[in-house]
Amino acid sequence: MSILLAFLLIAVLFMVAVSLILFVIGPIKLLQPKRRTIEYYRTVTHILHPSDLQLPYEELTLKTPEGLALSCWLIPEPAKARGTIIYLHGVSECKIVGLPLARHFHDSGYNVFLYDSRYHGDSGGKYCTYGFYEKHDACTVINYLERRKDIALGKIGLFGSSMGAAIAIQVAAMDNRVAAVVAESGFATLRTIFDDYQKRMTKLPWHYLRNIVIKRSEHIAHFKATAVSPLDSVKHVHVPIFILHGTDDTLIKYTYSEMLYNNTGELKELWLIPGARHDNMAEVGGEEYSRRILDFFDNALRP
């Protein structure tokens, strides 16, 4: 009996210790992911600025209604544009990662707008909420673009990668100015993706640990995690949507994109790229990757 009691005591102490660690560290990991700026990208690429691709650009800062500064690039099409595409990056990334695609979009006749999400890159903000507040930031960008009378916007499309895909879907569900969405490597709900992250980090499957972190995070950042649900939002997206994902993605399961596809309307397309991971979709997809994305926008944003 004493051995059993000792085992139970150790198990209880272990659970208490893990819970306390996650109570402190968990919200930091969730709300304040690693912030990558140009210093990081200098170590992995030589494409750091629109000028590196000989693209015309405007460097500007937009303010959200609560006063957060968003660091932005506008790459305008000098002639009459075929439309405007807003690029939404993933967690821990910044607008720099969108430059290769921006080149393709611009060369095909589109205005392109890239910006650092709140608490990312050179933008302000204390926390990342995965779309709860970020969807309103995208609407702030659209408001600004509509005020630019010197630019022919045409129809507006959103390209989102990872967290950006989740944000794009949430924006399209609430803002009828969005005419098309490309959602790459997106998640279904914040709670399920954090479950996955927790299991990778602690190897423990218990949901109560997730709930501890979520509840604490909600209190700190004043948001509701259950409201961050692209799976619910996509049911209210009534514009063309192109969903793509790599079958070897170990960070966000490709089955989440299948769930998104199965819950949206009729104007939809799904492409699962065999062998692609979370970070090499364009590389594995090759020329077909950029071609299919451009073909989608060409059709969806046609006047």
Protein backbone atom coordinates (compact mmCIF):
# COMPACT_ATOMS: atom_id res chain seq x y z
CA MET A 1 0.00 0.00 0.00
CA SER A 2 2.82 2.42 0.85
CA ILE A 3 4.35 1.90 -2.61
CA LEU A 4 1.00 2.64 -4.24
CA LEU A 5 0.55 5.79 -2.13
CA ALA A 6 4.06 6.92 -3.00
CA PHE A 7 3.34 6.38 -6.70
CA LEU A 8 0.09 8.34 -6.45
CA LEU A 9 1.84 11.16 -4.59
CA ILE A 10 4.55 11.37 -7.26
CA ALA A 11 1.90 11.40 -9.98
CA VAL A 12 -0.02 14.19 -8.24
CA LEU A 13 3.13 16.24 -7.69
CA PHE A 14 4.08 15.75 -11.35
CA MET A 15 0.67 16.94 -12.52
CA VAL A 16 0.81 19.96 -10.21
CA ALA A 17 4.31 20.86 -11.45
CA VAL A 18 3.34 20.53 -15.13
CA SER A 19 0.18 22.56 -14.54
CA LEU A 20 2.12 25.37 -12.86
CA ILE A 21 4.73 25.44 -15.62
CA LEU A 22 2.07 25.60 -18.32
CA PHE A 23 0.13 28.20 -16.34
CA VAL A 24 3.16 30.50 -16.53
CA ILE A 25 4.83 29.53 -19.83
CA GLY A 26 1.84 28.40 -21.87
CA PRO A 27 0.19 31.81 -22.35
CA ILE A 28 3.55 33.34 -23.31
CA LYS A 29 4.09 30.69 -25.98
CA LEU A 30 0.55 31.13 -27.29
CA LEU A 31 0.18 34.91 -27.16
CA GLN A 32 3.78 35.96 -27.84
CA PRO A 33 5.27 33.68 -30.49
CA LYS A 34 8.81 34.30 -31.67
CA ARG A 35 8.98 37.63 -33.52
CA ARG A 36 11.07 37.42 -36.70
CA THR A 37 12.26 40.64 -38.31
CA ILE A 38 14.69 41.46 -41.10
CA GLU A 39 17.68 40.41 -38.94
CA TYR A 40 16.44 36.82 -39.00
CA TYR A 41 15.57 36.80 -42.70
CA ARG A 42 19.03 38.09 -43.64
CA THR A 43 20.31 34.66 -42.60
CA VAL A 44 17.96 32.73 -44.90
CA THR A 45 17.24 34.88 -47.98
CA HIS A 46 18.50 37.82 -50.01
CA ILE A 47 14.94 38.96 -50.81
CA LEU A 48 14.21 41.34 -47.95
CA HIS A 49 12.44 44.28 -49.56
CA PRO A 50 10.34 45.01 -52.66
CA SER A 51 13.34 46.85 -54.12
CA ASP A 52 15.28 43.56 -54.12
CA LEU A 53 12.84 42.37 -56.78
CA GLN A 54 12.76 45.72 -58.61
CA LEU A 55 9.13 46.18 -57.58
CA PRO A 56 7.54 49.62 -57.21
CA TYR A 57 6.47 50.16 -53.62
CA GLU A 58 5.20 52.50 -50.97
CA GLU A 59 6.32 51.99 -47.39
CA LEU A 60 3.63 53.10 -44.96
CA THR A 61 2.23 52.67 -41.48
CA LEU A 62 -1.46 52.19 -40.74
CA LYS A 63 -3.05 52.67 -37.35
CA THR A 64 -5.72 50.31 -36.05
CA PRO A 65 -8.73 51.83 -34.23
CA GLU A 66 -6.99 51.14 -30.90
CA GLY A 67 -3.81 52.85 -32.11
CA LEU A 68 -1.55 49.90 -33.00
CA ALA A 69 0.91 50.59 -35.82
CA LEU A 70 0.91 48.15 -38.74
CA SER A 71 4.04 48.14 -40.91
CA CYS A 72 2.98 47.85 -44.58
CA TRP A 73 4.12 47.71 -48.18
CA LEU A 74 1.88 48.67 -51.06
CA ILE A 75 3.08 47.40 -54.43
CA PRO A 76 0.89 49.22 -56.94
CA GLU A 77 0.20 48.27 -60.54
CA PRO A 78 0.95 51.42 -62.59
CA ALA A 79 -1.53 50.53 -65.31
CA LYS A 80 -5.12 49.54 -64.68
CA ALA A 81 -4.90 46.69 -62.19
CA ARG A 82 -6.70 43.36 -62.61
CA GLY A 83 -7.51 43.51 -58.90
CA THR A 84 -5.83 43.83 -55.51
CA ILE A 85 -4.40 40.98 -53.44
CA ILE A 86 -3.69 41.34 -49.72
CA TYR A 87 -1.03 38.96 -48.35
CA LEU A 88 -1.46 37.61 -44.80
CA HIS A 89 1.57 35.82 -43.34
CA GLY A 90 1.83 33.00 -40.80
CA VAL A 91 2.67 32.97 -37.12
CA SER A 92 6.20 34.16 -36.25
CA GLU A 93 6.65 35.36 -39.84
CA CYS A 94 6.36 38.82 -41.38
CA LYS A 95 5.58 40.48 -44.69
CA ILE A 96 9.02 39.62 -46.07
CA VAL A 97 7.94 36.01 -46.70
CA GLY A 98 5.26 37.22 -49.10
CA LEU A 99 7.61 38.97 -51.51
CA PRO A 100 8.18 36.05 -53.94
CA LEU A 101 4.42 35.61 -54.43
CA ALA A 102 3.95 39.36 -54.56
CA ARG A 103 6.30 39.40 -57.54
CA HIS A 104 4.13 36.85 -59.34
CA PHE A 105 0.95 38.76 -58.51
CA HIS A 106 2.38 42.11 -59.61
CA ASP A 107 3.84 40.69 -62.82
CA SER A 108 0.35 39.39 -63.60
CA GLY A 109 -1.19 42.85 -63.22
CA TYR A 110 -2.33 43.01 -59.60
CA ASN A 111 -1.85 45.57 -56.86
CA VAL A 112 -0.34 43.80 -53.86
CA PHE A 113 -0.54 44.84 -50.21
CA LEU A 114 1.61 43.16 -47.55
CA TYR A 115 1.74 44.01 -43.86
CA ASP A 116 3.09 42.68 -40.59
CA SER A 117 0.33 41.33 -38.40
CA ARG A 118 0.07 42.72 -34.86
CA TYR A 119 2.89 41.46 -32.61
CA HIS A 120 4.82 40.39 -35.72
CA GLY A 121 7.65 41.91 -37.72
CA ASP A 122 7.79 45.67 -37.28
CA SER A 123 4.16 46.12 -36.25
CA GLY A 124 3.00 47.02 -32.79
CA GLY A 125 0.88 45.08 -30.34
CA LYS A 126 1.49 43.02 -27.22
CA TYR A 127 -0.26 39.80 -28.20
CA CYS A 128 -1.15 37.55 -31.13
CA THR A 129 -4.76 36.33 -31.08
CA TYR A 130 -4.80 34.34 -34.34
CA GLY A 131 -7.64 36.27 -35.92
CA PHE A 132 -9.77 37.44 -33.01
CA TYR A 133 -8.43 40.99 -33.37
CA GLU A 134 -6.39 40.45 -36.53
CA LYS A 135 -9.47 40.09 -38.74
CA HIS A 136 -10.37 43.68 -37.90
CA ASP A 137 -6.84 44.78 -38.82
CA ALA A 138 -7.38 43.36 -42.31
CA CYS A 139 -10.58 45.40 -42.55
CA THR A 140 -8.55 48.47 -41.56
CA VAL A 141 -6.26 47.74 -44.53
CA ILE A 142 -9.25 47.46 -46.88
CA ASN A 143 -10.66 50.73 -45.52
CA TYR A 144 -7.36 52.43 -46.30
CA LEU A 145 -7.14 51.01 -49.80
CA GLU A 146 -10.65 52.18 -50.59
CA ARG A 147 -9.69 55.71 -49.58
CA ARG A 148 -6.85 55.72 -52.11
CA LYS A 149 -8.53 57.39 -55.08
CA ASP A 150 -5.26 57.28 -57.03
CA ILE A 151 -5.32 53.48 -57.23
CA ALA A 152 -7.73 51.36 -59.25
CA LEU A 153 -8.37 48.54 -56.79
CA GLY A 154 -10.67 46.30 -58.76
CA LYS A 155 -11.90 43.33 -56.76
CA ILE A 156 -10.05 42.40 -53.58
CA GLY A 157 -8.60 38.95 -52.90
CA LEU A 158 -6.89 37.60 -49.79
CA PHE A 159 -3.96 35.21 -49.76
CA GLY A 160 -3.30 33.74 -46.31
CA SER A 161 -0.68 31.24 -45.19
CA SER A 162 -1.03 29.24 -41.94
CA MET A 163 -2.32 31.75 -39.36
CA GLY A 164 -2.86 34.10 -42.30
CA ALA A 165 -5.20 31.52 -43.86
CA ALA A 166 -7.23 31.41 -40.65
CA ILE A 167 -7.39 35.21 -40.60
CA ALA A 168 -8.36 35.40 -44.28
CA ILE A 169 -11.28 33.02 -43.78
CA GLN A 170 -12.50 34.97 -40.75
CA VAL A 171 -12.28 38.24 -42.69
CA ALA A 172 -14.14 36.88 -45.71
CA ALA A 173 -16.94 35.66 -43.45
CA MET A 174 -17.58 39.16 -42.12
CA ASP A 175 -16.54 41.59 -44.89
CA ASN A 176 -18.35 41.40 -48.22
CA ARG A 177 -15.67 43.53 -49.88
CA VAL A 178 -13.54 40.38 -50.11
CA ALA A 179 -14.15 38.69 -53.46
CA ALA A 180 -11.86 35.64 -53.19
CA VAL A 181 -9.67 33.75 -50.71
CA VAL A 182 -6.64 31.50 -51.01
CA ALA A 183 -6.14 29.64 -47.73
CA GLU A 184 -2.83 27.79 -47.50
CA SER A 185 -1.98 25.40 -44.64
CA GLY A 186 -4.71 26.72 -42.36
CA PHE A 187 -6.09 25.34 -39.12
CA ALA A 188 -9.68 24.50 -38.19
CA THR A 189 -9.95 25.95 -34.67
CA LEU A 190 -7.51 27.56 -32.27
CA ARG A 191 -8.32 25.01 -29.58
CA THR A 192 -7.55 21.98 -31.74
CA ILE A 193 -4.32 23.44 -33.08
CA PHE A 194 -3.22 24.25 -29.54
CA ASP A 195 -4.01 20.67 -28.52
CA ASP A 196 -1.62 19.54 -31.24
CA TYR A 197 1.02 22.00 -30.10
CA GLN A 198 0.65 20.91 -26.47
CA LYS A 199 1.13 17.26 -27.37
CA ARG A 200 4.30 18.07 -29.32
CA MET A 201 5.66 20.26 -26.54
CA THR A 202 4.79 18.17 -23.45
CA LYS A 203 3.84 14.77 -24.93
CA LEU A 204 0.79 14.91 -22.63
CA PRO A 205 -2.70 14.60 -24.17
CA TRP A 206 -4.78 15.87 -21.25
CA HIS A 207 -7.28 18.51 -22.30
CA TYR A 208 -7.37 20.13 -18.89
CA LEU A 209 -3.81 21.37 -19.48
CA ARG A 210 -4.96 23.02 -22.68
CA ASN A 211 -7.88 24.59 -20.84
CA ILE A 212 -5.56 26.05 -18.20
CA VAL A 213 -3.47 27.78 -20.84
CA ILE A 214 -6.44 28.90 -22.93
CA LYS A 215 -8.32 30.39 -20.00
CA ARG A 216 -5.25 32.20 -18.72
CA SER A 217 -4.48 33.49 -22.23
CA GLU A 218 -8.04 34.72 -22.70
CA HIS A 219 -7.78 36.67 -19.45
CA ILE A 220 -4.42 38.22 -20.36
CA ALA A 221 -5.23 39.23 -23.95
CA HIS A 222 -8.97 39.87 -23.49
CA PHE A 223 -10.15 37.56 -26.25
CA LYS A 224 -12.27 34.44 -26.69
CA ALA A 225 -10.47 31.40 -28.05
CA THR A 226 -13.66 29.63 -29.14
CA ALA A 227 -14.39 32.60 -31.43
CA VAL A 228 -11.21 31.81 -33.38
CA SER A 229 -12.76 29.09 -35.51
CA PRO A 230 -12.14 29.16 -39.26
CA LEU A 231 -14.21 25.97 -39.36
CA ASP A 232 -17.26 27.97 -38.24
CA SER A 233 -16.33 31.06 -40.25
CA VAL A 234 -15.89 29.19 -43.53
CA LYS A 235 -19.59 28.26 -43.47
CA HIS A 236 -20.29 31.97 -43.99
CA VAL A 237 -17.81 32.48 -46.85
CA HIS A 238 -19.84 32.86 -50.03
CA VAL A 239 -17.04 33.82 -52.42
CA PRO A 240 -14.64 31.52 -54.29
CA ILE A 241 -12.10 29.90 -51.97
CA PHE A 242 -9.01 27.89 -52.90
CA ILE A 243 -7.74 25.71 -50.06
CA LEU A 244 -4.32 24.07 -50.32
CA HIS A 245 -2.15 22.09 -47.94
CA GLY A 246 0.87 19.79 -47.93
CA THR A 247 0.27 16.13 -47.11
CA ASP A 248 3.53 15.96 -45.08
CA ASP A 249 2.75 19.01 -42.92
CA THR A 250 3.70 18.07 -39.34
CA LEU A 251 2.75 21.44 -37.81
CA ILE A 252 -0.84 21.73 -39.04
CA LYS A 253 -2.56 18.55 -40.22
CA TYR A 254 -3.77 18.60 -43.81
CA THR A 255 -7.00 17.02 -42.59
CA TYR A 256 -7.91 20.45 -41.16
CA SER A 257 -7.93 21.85 -44.70
CA GLU A 258 -10.13 18.95 -45.75
CA MET A 259 -12.51 19.88 -42.92
CA LEU A 260 -12.55 23.50 -44.09
CA TYR A 261 -13.23 22.42 -47.67
CA ASN A 262 -16.08 20.14 -46.64
CA ASN A 263 -17.77 22.92 -44.66
CA THR A 264 -17.72 25.73 -47.20
CA GLY A 265 -20.07 26.45 -50.10
CA GLU A 266 -19.98 25.43 -53.75
CA LEU A 267 -17.36 27.92 -55.03
CA LYS A 268 -14.39 25.99 -53.74
CA GLU A 269 -11.28 24.13 -54.75
CA LEU A 270 -8.95 21.87 -52.75
CA TRP A 271 -5.36 20.95 -53.62
CA LEU A 272 -3.37 18.64 -51.36
CA ILE A 273 0.24 18.79 -52.51
CA PRO A 274 1.85 15.34 -52.09
CA GLY A 275 5.01 15.42 -50.00
CA ALA A 276 4.85 19.12 -49.16
CA ARG A 277 5.56 20.25 -45.61
CA HIS A 278 4.38 23.38 -43.85
CA ASP A 279 7.32 25.45 -45.04
CA ASN A 280 7.96 24.28 -48.61
CA MET A 281 4.62 24.40 -50.42
CA ALA A 282 5.93 26.60 -53.25
CA GLU A 283 9.12 24.57 -53.64
CA VAL A 284 7.34 21.20 -53.87
CA GLY A 285 4.43 22.56 -55.89
CA GLY A 286 6.84 24.12 -58.40
CA GLU A 287 5.49 26.13 -61.31
CA GLU A 288 2.06 24.57 -60.83
CA TYR A 289 1.86 26.21 -57.40
CA SER A 290 2.04 29.81 -58.61
CA ARG A 291 0.10 29.02 -61.79
CA ARG A 292 -2.88 27.52 -59.98
CA ILE A 293 -3.02 30.36 -57.48
CA LEU A 294 -2.86 32.96 -60.25
CA ASP A 295 -5.46 31.11 -62.33
CA PHE A 296 -7.76 31.09 -59.31
CA PHE A 297 -7.42 34.84 -58.72
CA ASP A 298 -7.71 35.58 -62.45
CA ASN A 299 -11.08 33.83 -62.52
CA ALA A 300 -12.38 34.97 -59.14
CA LEU A 301 -11.37 38.64 -59.45
CA ARG A 302 -12.38 39.06 -63.07
CA PRO A 303 -14.47 42.26 -63.45
